[in-house]
Amino acid sequence: MGGSLIDKRVEGRVVALNDQGDLITDVPAAECAAAPNQEEVRVQVGGHETIGIYPPDHNEPAGTLIAIINAEGCLNIGITGINISEMLGIGVGETVTVIW
C-alpha cells in the first residue's frame, strides 16, 4: 500500500466484547477524524486488517470485517453477522492500530 513516508497512526486496545462478540476498543473516533479520507483508513487487530470506518447503519454484507463508531465515540471492530472473538480468537487486551 502507498501512503506518506511516515504514516499517521492511533493505537489502542480491545477493552471489552459486546453481546454479539464485537471488539470494543478504547480508540477514540475523534482521533481518527484527522484522516483525510475515512474510506481509506486501515484498522489492524490480531493480524487482520480492514479498510475504512463506517457508521453503525452501514450496509456491508454478512461476513465482512468492519470498523464502526459506537455510541460512546470509540471504534468497534466486528464481522457482520459473526462473532469475531470466537471466529478469529481475538480478545480483550489485543492491540488495535488505525493507520492513514
PDB file of N, CA and C in Angstrom:
ATOM      1  N   MET A   1       0.841  -1.178   0.000  1.00  0.00           N
ATOM      2  CA  MET A   1       0.000   0.000   0.000  1.00  0.00           C
ATOM      3  C   MET A   1       0.884   1.237   0.000  1.00  0.00           C
ATOM      4  N   GLY A   2       0.386   2.270  -0.612  1.00  0.00           N
ATOM      5  CA  GLY A   2       1.114   3.522  -0.667  1.00  0.00           C
ATOM      6  C   GLY A   2       1.014   4.274   0.627  1.00  0.00           C
ATOM      7  N   GLY A   3       1.029   5.560   0.534  1.00  0.00           N
ATOM      8  CA  GLY A   3       0.910   6.384   1.729  1.00  0.00           C
ATOM      9  C   GLY A   3       2.090   7.310   1.837  1.00  0.00           C
ATOM     10  N   SER A   4       2.077   8.078   2.870  1.00  0.00           N
ATOM     11  CA  SER A   4       3.170   9.010   3.086  1.00  0.00           C
ATOM     12  C   SER A   4       4.387   8.243   3.572  1.00  0.00           C
ATOM     13  N   LEU A   5       5.526   8.918   3.600  1.00  0.00           N
ATOM     14  CA  LEU A   5       6.735   8.272   4.089  1.00  0.00           C
ATOM     15  C   LEU A   5       6.578   7.875   5.552  1.00  0.00           C
ATOM     16  N   ILE A   6       5.849   8.679   6.304  1.00  0.00           N
ATOM     17  CA  ILE A   6       5.579   8.358   7.704  1.00  0.00           C
ATOM     18  C   ILE A   6       4.066   8.334   7.873  1.00  0.00           C
ATOM     19  N   ASP A   7       3.532   7.125   8.062  1.00  0.00           N
ATOM     20  CA  ASP A   7       2.097   7.005   8.260  1.00  0.00           C
ATOM     21  C   ASP A   7       1.701   7.619   9.594  1.00  0.00           C
ATOM     22  N   LYS A   8       0.524   8.200   9.624  1.00  0.00           N
ATOM     23  CA  LYS A   8      -0.042   8.679  10.884  1.00  0.00           C
ATOM     24  C   LYS A   8      -0.802   7.507  11.480  1.00  0.00           C
ATOM     25  N   ARG A   9      -0.786   7.397  12.806  1.00  0.00           N
ATOM     26  CA  ARG A   9      -1.446   6.261  13.435  1.00  0.00           C
ATOM     27  C   ARG A   9      -1.960   6.599  14.818  1.00  0.00           C
ATOM     28  N   VAL A  10      -2.967   5.831  15.211  1.00  0.00           N
ATOM     29  CA  VAL A  10      -3.521   5.879  16.551  1.00  0.00           C
ATOM     30  C   VAL A  10      -3.527   4.437  17.035  1.00  0.00           C
ATOM     31  N   GLU A  11      -3.072   4.219  18.255  1.00  0.00           N
ATOM     32  CA  GLU A  11      -3.076   2.870  18.805  1.00  0.00           C
ATOM     33  C   GLU A  11      -3.918   2.811  20.063  1.00  0.00           C
ATOM     34  N   GLY A  12      -4.495   1.657  20.275  1.00  0.00           N
ATOM     35  CA  GLY A  12      -5.290   1.411  21.466  1.00  0.00           C
ATOM     36  C   GLY A  12      -5.380  -0.078  21.710  1.00  0.00           C
ATOM     37  N   ARG A  13      -6.377  -0.459  22.476  1.00  0.00           N
ATOM     38  CA  ARG A  13      -6.559  -1.869  22.832  1.00  0.00           C
ATOM     39  C   ARG A  13      -8.032  -2.239  22.792  1.00  0.00           C
ATOM     40  N   VAL A  14      -8.266  -3.530  22.663  1.00  0.00           N
ATOM     41  CA  VAL A  14      -9.612  -4.066  22.842  1.00  0.00           C
ATOM     42  C   VAL A  14      -9.860  -4.062  24.346  1.00  0.00           C
ATOM     43  N   VAL A  15     -10.936  -3.402  24.771  1.00  0.00           N
ATOM     44  CA  VAL A  15     -11.212  -3.287  26.200  1.00  0.00           C
ATOM     45  C   VAL A  15     -12.385  -4.155  26.646  1.00  0.00           C
ATOM     46  N   ALA A  16     -13.197  -4.614  25.706  1.00  0.00           N
ATOM     47  CA  ALA A  16     -14.360  -5.431  26.055  1.00  0.00           C
ATOM     48  C   ALA A  16     -14.924  -6.066  24.791  1.00  0.00           C
ATOM     49  N   LEU A  17     -15.861  -6.985  24.986  1.00  0.00           N
ATOM     50  CA  LEU A  17     -16.620  -7.582  23.892  1.00  0.00           C
ATOM     51  C   LEU A  17     -18.088  -7.262  24.143  1.00  0.00           C
ATOM     52  N   ASN A  18     -18.838  -6.980  23.075  1.00  0.00           N
ATOM     53  CA  ASN A  18     -20.271  -6.761  23.279  1.00  0.00           C
ATOM     54  C   ASN A  18     -21.023  -8.091  23.138  1.00  0.00           C
ATOM     55  N   ASP A  19     -22.340  -8.052  23.238  1.00  0.00           N
ATOM     56  CA  ASP A  19     -23.149  -9.276  23.209  1.00  0.00           C
ATOM     57  C   ASP A  19     -23.019 -10.044  21.896  1.00  0.00           C
ATOM     58  N   GLN A  20     -22.692  -9.348  20.809  1.00  0.00           N
ATOM     59  CA  GLN A  20     -22.520 -10.006  19.511  1.00  0.00           C
ATOM     60  C   GLN A  20     -21.099 -10.516  19.300  1.00  0.00           C
ATOM     61  N   GLY A  21     -20.222 -10.256  20.259  1.00  0.00           N
ATOM     62  CA  GLY A  21     -18.833 -10.680  20.129  1.00  0.00           C
ATOM     63  C   GLY A  21     -17.964  -9.664  19.424  1.00  0.00           C
ATOM     64  N   ASP A  22     -18.513  -8.477  19.122  1.00  0.00           N
ATOM     65  CA  ASP A  22     -17.705  -7.425  18.506  1.00  0.00           C
ATOM     66  C   ASP A  22     -16.672  -6.924  19.506  1.00  0.00           C
ATOM     67  N   LEU A  23     -15.554  -6.439  18.987  1.00  0.00           N
ATOM     68  CA  LEU A  23     -14.475  -5.911  19.807  1.00  0.00           C
ATOM     69  C   LEU A  23     -14.727  -4.443  20.091  1.00  0.00           C
ATOM     70  N   ILE A  24     -14.814  -4.082  21.353  1.00  0.00           N
ATOM     71  CA  ILE A  24     -14.969  -2.689  21.756  1.00  0.00           C
ATOM     72  C   ILE A  24     -13.575  -2.190  22.103  1.00  0.00           C
ATOM     73  N   THR A  25     -13.164  -1.097  21.469  1.00  0.00           N
ATOM     74  CA  THR A  25     -11.807  -0.593  21.686  1.00  0.00           C
ATOM     75  C   THR A  25     -11.828   0.710  22.468  1.00  0.00           C
ATOM     76  N   ASP A  26     -10.645   1.122  22.894  1.00  0.00           N
ATOM     77  CA  ASP A  26     -10.503   2.424  23.537  1.00  0.00           C
ATOM     78  C   ASP A  26      -9.959   3.469  22.565  1.00  0.00           C
ATOM     79  N   VAL A  27     -10.055   3.194  21.262  1.00  0.00           N
ATOM     80  CA  VAL A  27      -9.582   4.130  20.244  1.00  0.00           C
ATOM     81  C   VAL A  27     -10.676   5.162  19.991  1.00  0.00           C
ATOM     82  N   PRO A  28     -10.447   6.426  20.383  1.00  0.00           N
ATOM     83  CA  PRO A  28     -11.465   7.460  20.172  1.00  0.00           C
ATOM     84  C   PRO A  28     -11.619   7.781  18.683  1.00  0.00           C
ATOM     85  N   ALA A  29     -12.850   7.769  18.211  1.00  0.00           N
ATOM     86  CA  ALA A  29     -13.114   8.107  16.815  1.00  0.00           C
ATOM     87  C   ALA A  29     -12.622   9.512  16.496  1.00  0.00           C
ATOM     88  N   ALA A  30     -12.667  10.406  17.474  1.00  0.00           N
ATOM     89  CA  ALA A  30     -12.211  11.778  17.257  1.00  0.00           C
ATOM     90  C   ALA A  30     -10.738  11.823  16.844  1.00  0.00           C
ATOM     91  N   GLU A  31      -9.927  10.909  17.361  1.00  0.00           N
ATOM     92  CA  GLU A  31      -8.512  10.885  16.984  1.00  0.00           C
ATOM     93  C   GLU A  31      -8.321  10.404  15.558  1.00  0.00           C
ATOM     94  N   CYS A  32      -9.260   9.598  15.063  1.00  0.00           N
ATOM     95  CA  CYS A  32      -9.182   9.101  13.688  1.00  0.00           C
ATOM     96  C   CYS A  32      -9.760  10.103  12.698  1.00  0.00           C
ATOM     97  N   ALA A  33     -10.474  11.099  13.198  1.00  0.00           N
ATOM     98  CA  ALA A  33     -11.121  12.091  12.335  1.00  0.00           C
ATOM     99  C   ALA A  33     -10.104  12.927  11.557  1.00  0.00           C
ATOM    100  N   ALA A  34      -8.851  12.939  11.997  1.00  0.00           N
ATOM    101  CA  ALA A  34      -7.817  13.698  11.296  1.00  0.00           C
ATOM    102  C   ALA A  34      -7.457  13.070   9.956  1.00  0.00           C
ATOM    103  N   ALA A  35      -7.854  11.819   9.751  1.00  0.00           N
ATOM    104  CA  ALA A  35      -7.558  11.157   8.482  1.00  0.00           C
ATOM    105  C   ALA A  35      -8.277  11.880   7.355  1.00  0.00           C
ATOM    106  N   PRO A  36      -7.590  12.145   6.253  1.00  0.00           N
ATOM    107  CA  PRO A  36      -8.215  12.900   5.168  1.00  0.00           C
ATOM    108  C   PRO A  36      -9.348  12.146   4.474  1.00  0.00           C
ATOM    109  N   ASN A  37      -9.338  10.828   4.534  1.00  0.00           N
ATOM    110  CA  ASN A  37     -10.368  10.038   3.859  1.00  0.00           C
ATOM    111  C   ASN A  37     -10.703   8.832   4.724  1.00  0.00           C
ATOM    112  N   GLN A  38     -11.834   8.860   5.410  1.00  0.00           N
ATOM    113  CA  GLN A  38     -12.225   7.768   6.312  1.00  0.00           C
ATOM    114  C   GLN A  38     -12.369   6.437   5.578  1.00  0.00           C
ATOM    115  N   GLU A  39     -12.610   6.475   4.268  1.00  0.00           N
ATOM    116  CA  GLU A  39     -12.764   5.243   3.497  1.00  0.00           C
ATOM    117  C   GLU A  39     -11.432   4.546   3.240  1.00  0.00           C
ATOM    118  N   GLU A  40     -10.309   5.225   3.476  1.00  0.00           N
ATOM    119  CA  GLU A  40      -9.002   4.624   3.228  1.00  0.00           C
ATOM    120  C   GLU A  40      -8.218   4.341   4.500  1.00  0.00           C
ATOM    121  N   VAL A  41      -8.816   4.588   5.654  1.00  0.00           N
ATOM    122  CA  VAL A  41      -8.161   4.307   6.929  1.00  0.00           C
ATOM    123  C   VAL A  41      -8.008   2.794   7.063  1.00  0.00           C
ATOM    124  N   ARG A  42      -6.841   2.352   7.518  1.00  0.00           N
ATOM    125  CA  ARG A  42      -6.604   0.921   7.753  1.00  0.00           C
ATOM    126  C   ARG A  42      -6.696   0.658   9.243  1.00  0.00           C
ATOM    127  N   VAL A  43      -7.491  -0.333   9.615  1.00  0.00           N
ATOM    128  CA  VAL A  43      -7.662  -0.708  11.013  1.00  0.00           C
ATOM    129  C   VAL A  43      -7.132  -2.132  11.170  1.00  0.00           C
ATOM    130  N   GLN A  44      -6.136  -2.293  12.035  1.00  0.00           N
ATOM    131  CA  GLN A  44      -5.480  -3.585  12.225  1.00  0.00           C
ATOM    132  C   GLN A  44      -5.711  -4.097  13.639  1.00  0.00           C
ATOM    133  N   VAL A  45      -6.008  -5.414  13.740  1.00  0.00           N
ATOM    134  CA  VAL A  45      -6.177  -6.065  15.042  1.00  0.00           C
ATOM    135  C   VAL A  45      -5.924  -7.557  14.878  1.00  0.00           C
ATOM    136  N   GLY A  46      -5.137  -8.127  15.760  1.00  0.00           N
ATOM    137  CA  GLY A  46      -4.918  -9.568  15.778  1.00  0.00           C
ATOM    138  C   GLY A  46      -4.433 -10.160  14.471  1.00  0.00           C
ATOM    139  N   GLY A  47      -3.601  -9.423  13.729  1.00  0.00           N
ATOM    140  CA  GLY A  47      -3.081  -9.927  12.460  1.00  0.00           C
ATOM    141  C   GLY A  47      -4.046  -9.776  11.301  1.00  0.00           C
ATOM    142  N   HIS A  48      -5.158  -9.091  11.500  1.00  0.00           N
ATOM    143  CA  HIS A  48      -6.151  -8.872  10.454  1.00  0.00           C
ATOM    144  C   HIS A  48      -6.276  -7.376  10.207  1.00  0.00           C
ATOM    145  N   GLU A  49      -6.742  -7.024   8.997  1.00  0.00           N
ATOM    146  CA  GLU A  49      -6.874  -5.617   8.643  1.00  0.00           C
ATOM    147  C   GLU A  49      -8.174  -5.392   7.881  1.00  0.00           C
ATOM    148  N   THR A  50      -8.809  -4.270   8.156  1.00  0.00           N
ATOM    149  CA  THR A  50      -9.971  -3.832   7.395  1.00  0.00           C
ATOM    150  C   THR A  50      -9.727  -2.393   6.948  1.00  0.00           C
ATOM    151  N   ILE A  51     -10.375  -2.015   5.868  1.00  0.00           N
ATOM    152  CA  ILE A  51     -10.203  -0.680   5.314  1.00  0.00           C
ATOM    153  C   ILE A  51     -11.487   0.116   5.535  1.00  0.00           C
ATOM    154  N   GLY A  52     -11.355   1.311   6.096  1.00  0.00           N
ATOM    155  CA  GLY A  52     -12.484   2.208   6.266  1.00  0.00           C
ATOM    156  C   GLY A  52     -13.087   2.156   7.659  1.00  0.00           C
ATOM    157  N   ILE A  53     -13.738   3.247   8.017  1.00  0.00           N
ATOM    158  CA  ILE A  53     -14.519   3.340   9.250  1.00  0.00           C
ATOM    159  C   ILE A  53     -15.932   3.701   8.815  1.00  0.00           C
ATOM    160  N   TYR A  54     -16.888   2.905   9.246  1.00  0.00           N
ATOM    161  CA  TYR A  54     -18.262   3.027   8.770  1.00  0.00           C
ATOM    162  C   TYR A  54     -19.208   3.451   9.884  1.00  0.00           C
ATOM    163  N   PRO A  55     -20.340   4.032   9.520  1.00  0.00           N
ATOM    164  CA  PRO A  55     -21.355   4.369  10.517  1.00  0.00           C
ATOM    165  C   PRO A  55     -22.085   3.102  10.957  1.00  0.00           C
ATOM    166  N   PRO A  56     -22.750   3.140  12.107  1.00  0.00           N
ATOM    167  CA  PRO A  56     -23.469   1.950  12.590  1.00  0.00           C
ATOM    168  C   PRO A  56     -24.530   1.436  11.626  1.00  0.00           C
ATOM    169  N   ASP A  57     -25.089   2.295  10.793  1.00  0.00           N
ATOM    170  CA  ASP A  57     -26.136   1.864   9.868  1.00  0.00           C
ATOM    171  C   ASP A  57     -25.584   1.473   8.495  1.00  0.00           C
ATOM    172  N   HIS A  58     -24.373   0.928   8.456  1.00  0.00           N
ATOM    173  CA  HIS A  58     -23.734   0.503   7.203  1.00  0.00           C
ATOM    174  C   HIS A  58     -24.574  -0.600   6.536  1.00  0.00           C
ATOM    175  N   ASN A  59     -24.285  -0.843   5.277  1.00  0.00           N
ATOM    176  CA  ASN A  59     -24.976  -1.893   4.526  1.00  0.00           C
ATOM    177  C   ASN A  59     -24.010  -2.964   4.043  1.00  0.00           C
ATOM    178  N   GLU A  60     -22.933  -3.191   4.786  1.00  0.00           N
ATOM    179  CA  GLU A  60     -21.959  -4.187   4.373  1.00  0.00           C
ATOM    180  C   GLU A  60     -22.560  -5.588   4.510  1.00  0.00           C
ATOM    181  N   PRO A  61     -22.214  -6.505   3.595  1.00  0.00           N
ATOM    182  CA  PRO A  61     -22.796  -7.853   3.639  1.00  0.00           C
ATOM    183  C   PRO A  61     -22.282  -8.684   4.814  1.00  0.00           C
ATOM    184  N   ALA A  62     -23.034  -9.713   5.158  1.00  0.00           N
ATOM    185  CA  ALA A  62     -22.631 -10.631   6.230  1.00  0.00           C
ATOM    186  C   ALA A  62     -21.250 -11.194   5.936  1.00  0.00           C
ATOM    187  N   GLY A  63     -20.462 -11.367   6.982  1.00  0.00           N
ATOM    188  CA  GLY A  63     -19.118 -11.916   6.847  1.00  0.00           C
ATOM    189  C   GLY A  63     -18.048 -10.879   6.558  1.00  0.00           C
ATOM    190  N   THR A  64     -18.394  -9.586   6.592  1.00  0.00           N
ATOM    191  CA  THR A  64     -17.444  -8.514   6.313  1.00  0.00           C
ATOM    192  C   THR A  64     -16.789  -8.033   7.602  1.00  0.00           C
ATOM    193  N   LEU A  65     -15.455  -8.018   7.621  1.00  0.00           N
ATOM    194  CA  LEU A  65     -14.706  -7.430   8.741  1.00  0.00           C
ATOM    195  C   LEU A  65     -14.853  -5.918   8.623  1.00  0.00           C
ATOM    196  N   ILE A  66     -15.321  -5.281   9.692  1.00  0.00           N
ATOM    197  CA  ILE A  66     -15.667  -3.860   9.607  1.00  0.00           C
ATOM    198  C   ILE A  66     -15.372  -3.136  10.916  1.00  0.00           C
ATOM    199  N   ALA A  67     -14.954  -1.884  10.794  1.00  0.00           N
ATOM    200  CA  ALA A  67     -14.775  -0.999  11.951  1.00  0.00           C
ATOM    201  C   ALA A  67     -15.885   0.037  11.897  1.00  0.00           C
ATOM    202  N   ILE A  68     -16.557   0.242  13.033  1.00  0.00           N
ATOM    203  CA  ILE A  68     -17.613   1.241  13.106  1.00  0.00           C
ATOM    204  C   ILE A  68     -17.388   2.121  14.336  1.00  0.00           C
ATOM    205  N   ILE A  69     -18.045   3.253  14.355  1.00  0.00           N
ATOM    206  CA  ILE A  69     -18.003   4.142  15.513  1.00  0.00           C
ATOM    207  C   ILE A  69     -19.181   3.783  16.405  1.00  0.00           C
ATOM    208  N   ASN A  70     -18.909   3.454  17.676  1.00  0.00           N
ATOM    209  CA  ASN A  70     -20.001   3.086  18.580  1.00  0.00           C
ATOM    210  C   ASN A  70     -20.627   4.324  19.212  1.00  0.00           C
ATOM    211  N   ALA A  71     -21.682   4.110  19.971  1.00  0.00           N
ATOM    212  CA  ALA A  71     -22.434   5.217  20.580  1.00  0.00           C
ATOM    213  C   ALA A  71     -21.588   6.039  21.544  1.00  0.00           C
ATOM    214  N   GLU A  72     -20.520   5.437  22.094  1.00  0.00           N
ATOM    215  CA  GLU A  72     -19.645   6.143  23.032  1.00  0.00           C
ATOM    216  C   GLU A  72     -18.540   6.922  22.320  1.00  0.00           C
ATOM    217  N   GLY A  73     -18.485   6.844  20.979  1.00  0.00           N
ATOM    218  CA  GLY A  73     -17.491   7.594  20.226  1.00  0.00           C
ATOM    219  C   GLY A  73     -16.153   6.899  20.078  1.00  0.00           C
ATOM    220  N   CYS A  74     -16.130   5.585  20.279  1.00  0.00           N
ATOM    221  CA  CYS A  74     -14.906   4.800  20.065  1.00  0.00           C
ATOM    222  C   CYS A  74     -15.156   3.799  18.945  1.00  0.00           C
ATOM    223  N   LEU A  75     -14.085   3.151  18.502  1.00  0.00           N
ATOM    224  CA  LEU A  75     -14.225   2.162  17.438  1.00  0.00           C
ATOM    225  C   LEU A  75     -14.651   0.812  17.984  1.00  0.00           C
ATOM    226  N   ASN A  76     -15.536   0.155  17.265  1.00  0.00           N
ATOM    227  CA  ASN A  76     -15.852  -1.258  17.441  1.00  0.00           C
ATOM    228  C   ASN A  76     -15.362  -1.963  16.187  1.00  0.00           C
ATOM    229  N   ILE A  77     -14.889  -3.183  16.338  1.00  0.00           N
ATOM    230  CA  ILE A  77     -14.464  -3.968  15.188  1.00  0.00           C
ATOM    231  C   ILE A  77     -15.232  -5.274  15.246  1.00  0.00           C
ATOM    232  N   GLY A  78     -15.821  -5.653  14.132  1.00  0.00           N
ATOM    233  CA  GLY A  78     -16.594  -6.882  14.114  1.00  0.00           C
ATOM    234  C   GLY A  78     -16.649  -7.482  12.726  1.00  0.00           C
ATOM    235  N   ILE A  79     -17.270  -8.626  12.668  1.00  0.00           N
ATOM    236  CA  ILE A  79     -17.576  -9.266  11.398  1.00  0.00           C
ATOM    237  C   ILE A  79     -19.097  -9.314  11.341  1.00  0.00           C
ATOM    238  N   THR A  80     -19.691  -8.690  10.335  1.00  0.00           N
ATOM    239  CA  THR A  80     -21.145  -8.607  10.288  1.00  0.00           C
ATOM    240  C   THR A  80     -21.767 -10.000  10.328  1.00  0.00           C
ATOM    241  N   GLY A  81     -22.638 -10.191  11.324  1.00  0.00           N
ATOM    242  CA  GLY A  81     -23.370 -11.441  11.459  1.00  0.00           C
ATOM    243  C   GLY A  81     -22.596 -12.584  12.083  1.00  0.00           C
ATOM    244  N   ILE A  82     -21.349 -12.338  12.507  1.00  0.00           N
ATOM    245  CA  ILE A  82     -20.493 -13.405  13.060  1.00  0.00           C
ATOM    246  C   ILE A  82     -19.797 -12.878  14.308  1.00  0.00           C
ATOM    247  N   ASN A  83     -19.584 -13.737  15.284  1.00  0.00           N
ATOM    248  CA  ASN A  83     -18.863 -13.376  16.495  1.00  0.00           C
ATOM    249  C   ASN A  83     -17.363 -13.366  16.178  1.00  0.00           C
ATOM    250  N   ILE A  84     -16.774 -12.178  16.047  1.00  0.00           N
ATOM    251  CA  ILE A  84     -15.369 -12.051  15.660  1.00  0.00           C
ATOM    252  C   ILE A  84     -14.431 -12.668  16.699  1.00  0.00           C
ATOM    253  N   SER A  85     -14.789 -12.534  17.970  1.00  0.00           N
ATOM    254  CA  SER A  85     -13.938 -13.070  19.029  1.00  0.00           C
ATOM    255  C   SER A  85     -13.832 -14.590  18.917  1.00  0.00           C
ATOM    256  N   GLU A  86     -14.948 -15.246  18.683  1.00  0.00           N
ATOM    257  CA  GLU A  86     -14.928 -16.708  18.529  1.00  0.00           C
ATOM    258  C   GLU A  86     -14.271 -17.126  17.221  1.00  0.00           C
ATOM    259  N   MET A  87     -14.584 -16.432  16.126  1.00  0.00           N
ATOM    260  CA  MET A  87     -14.068 -16.830  14.812  1.00  0.00           C
ATOM    261  C   MET A  87     -12.566 -16.615  14.682  1.00  0.00           C
ATOM    262  N   LEU A  88     -12.069 -15.472  15.148  1.00  0.00           N
ATOM    263  CA  LEU A  88     -10.654 -15.140  14.955  1.00  0.00           C
ATOM    264  C   LEU A  88      -9.827 -15.266  16.226  1.00  0.00           C
ATOM    265  N   GLY A  89     -10.480 -15.536  17.345  1.00  0.00           N
ATOM    266  CA  GLY A  89      -9.742 -15.710  18.597  1.00  0.00           C
ATOM    267  C   GLY A  89      -9.139 -14.423  19.136  1.00  0.00           C
ATOM    268  N   ILE A  90      -9.733 -13.297  18.801  1.00  0.00           N
ATOM    269  CA  ILE A  90      -9.241 -12.004  19.279  1.00  0.00           C
ATOM    270  C   ILE A  90     -10.020 -11.626  20.524  1.00  0.00           C
ATOM    271  N   GLY A  91      -9.314 -11.215  21.566  1.00  0.00           N
ATOM    272  CA  GLY A  91      -9.990 -10.891  22.811  1.00  0.00           C
ATOM    273  C   GLY A  91      -9.494  -9.608  23.442  1.00  0.00           C
ATOM    274  N   VAL A  92      -9.928  -9.393  24.655  1.00  0.00           N
ATOM    275  CA  VAL A  92      -9.570  -8.203  25.425  1.00  0.00           C
ATOM    276  C   VAL A  92      -8.051  -8.138  25.580  1.00  0.00           C
ATOM    277  N   GLY A  93      -7.515  -6.934  25.420  1.00  0.00           N
ATOM    278  CA  GLY A  93      -6.083  -6.706  25.559  1.00  0.00           C
ATOM    279  C   GLY A  93      -5.336  -6.654  24.239  1.00  0.00           C
ATOM    280  N   GLU A  94      -5.947  -7.147  23.158  1.00  0.00           N
ATOM    281  CA  GLU A  94      -5.292  -7.135  21.841  1.00  0.00           C
ATOM    282  C   GLU A  94      -5.069  -5.691  21.393  1.00  0.00           C
ATOM    283  N   THR A  95      -3.926  -5.433  20.771  1.00  0.00           N
ATOM    284  CA  THR A  95      -3.601  -4.104  20.251  1.00  0.00           C
ATOM    285  C   THR A  95      -4.405  -3.805  18.991  1.00  0.00           C
ATOM    286  N   VAL A  96      -4.873  -2.571  18.894  1.00  0.00           N
ATOM    287  CA  VAL A  96      -5.592  -2.079  17.723  1.00  0.00           C
ATOM    288  C   VAL A  96      -4.801  -0.893  17.175  1.00  0.00           C
ATOM    289  N   THR A  97      -4.556  -0.895  15.868  1.00  0.00           N
ATOM    290  CA  THR A  97      -3.825   0.198  15.243  1.00  0.00           C
ATOM    291  C   THR A  97      -4.652   0.747  14.085  1.00  0.00           C
ATOM    292  N   VAL A  98      -4.809   2.066  14.053  1.00  0.00           N
ATOM    293  CA  VAL A  98      -5.503   2.746  12.964  1.00  0.00           C
ATOM    294  C   VAL A  98      -4.450   3.562  12.240  1.00  0.00           C
ATOM    295  N   ILE A  99      -4.335   3.351  10.914  1.00  0.00           N
ATOM    296  CA  ILE A  99      -3.263   3.962  10.130  1.00  0.00           C
ATOM    297  C   ILE A  99      -3.862   4.705   8.926  1.00  0.00           C
ATOM    298  N   TRP A 100      -3.304   5.876   8.628  1.00  0.00           N
ATOM    299  CA  TRP A 100      -3.680   6.583   7.406  1.00  0.00           C
ATOM    300  C   TRP A 100      -2.501   7.326   6.862  1.00  0.00           C
TER     301      TRP A 100
END
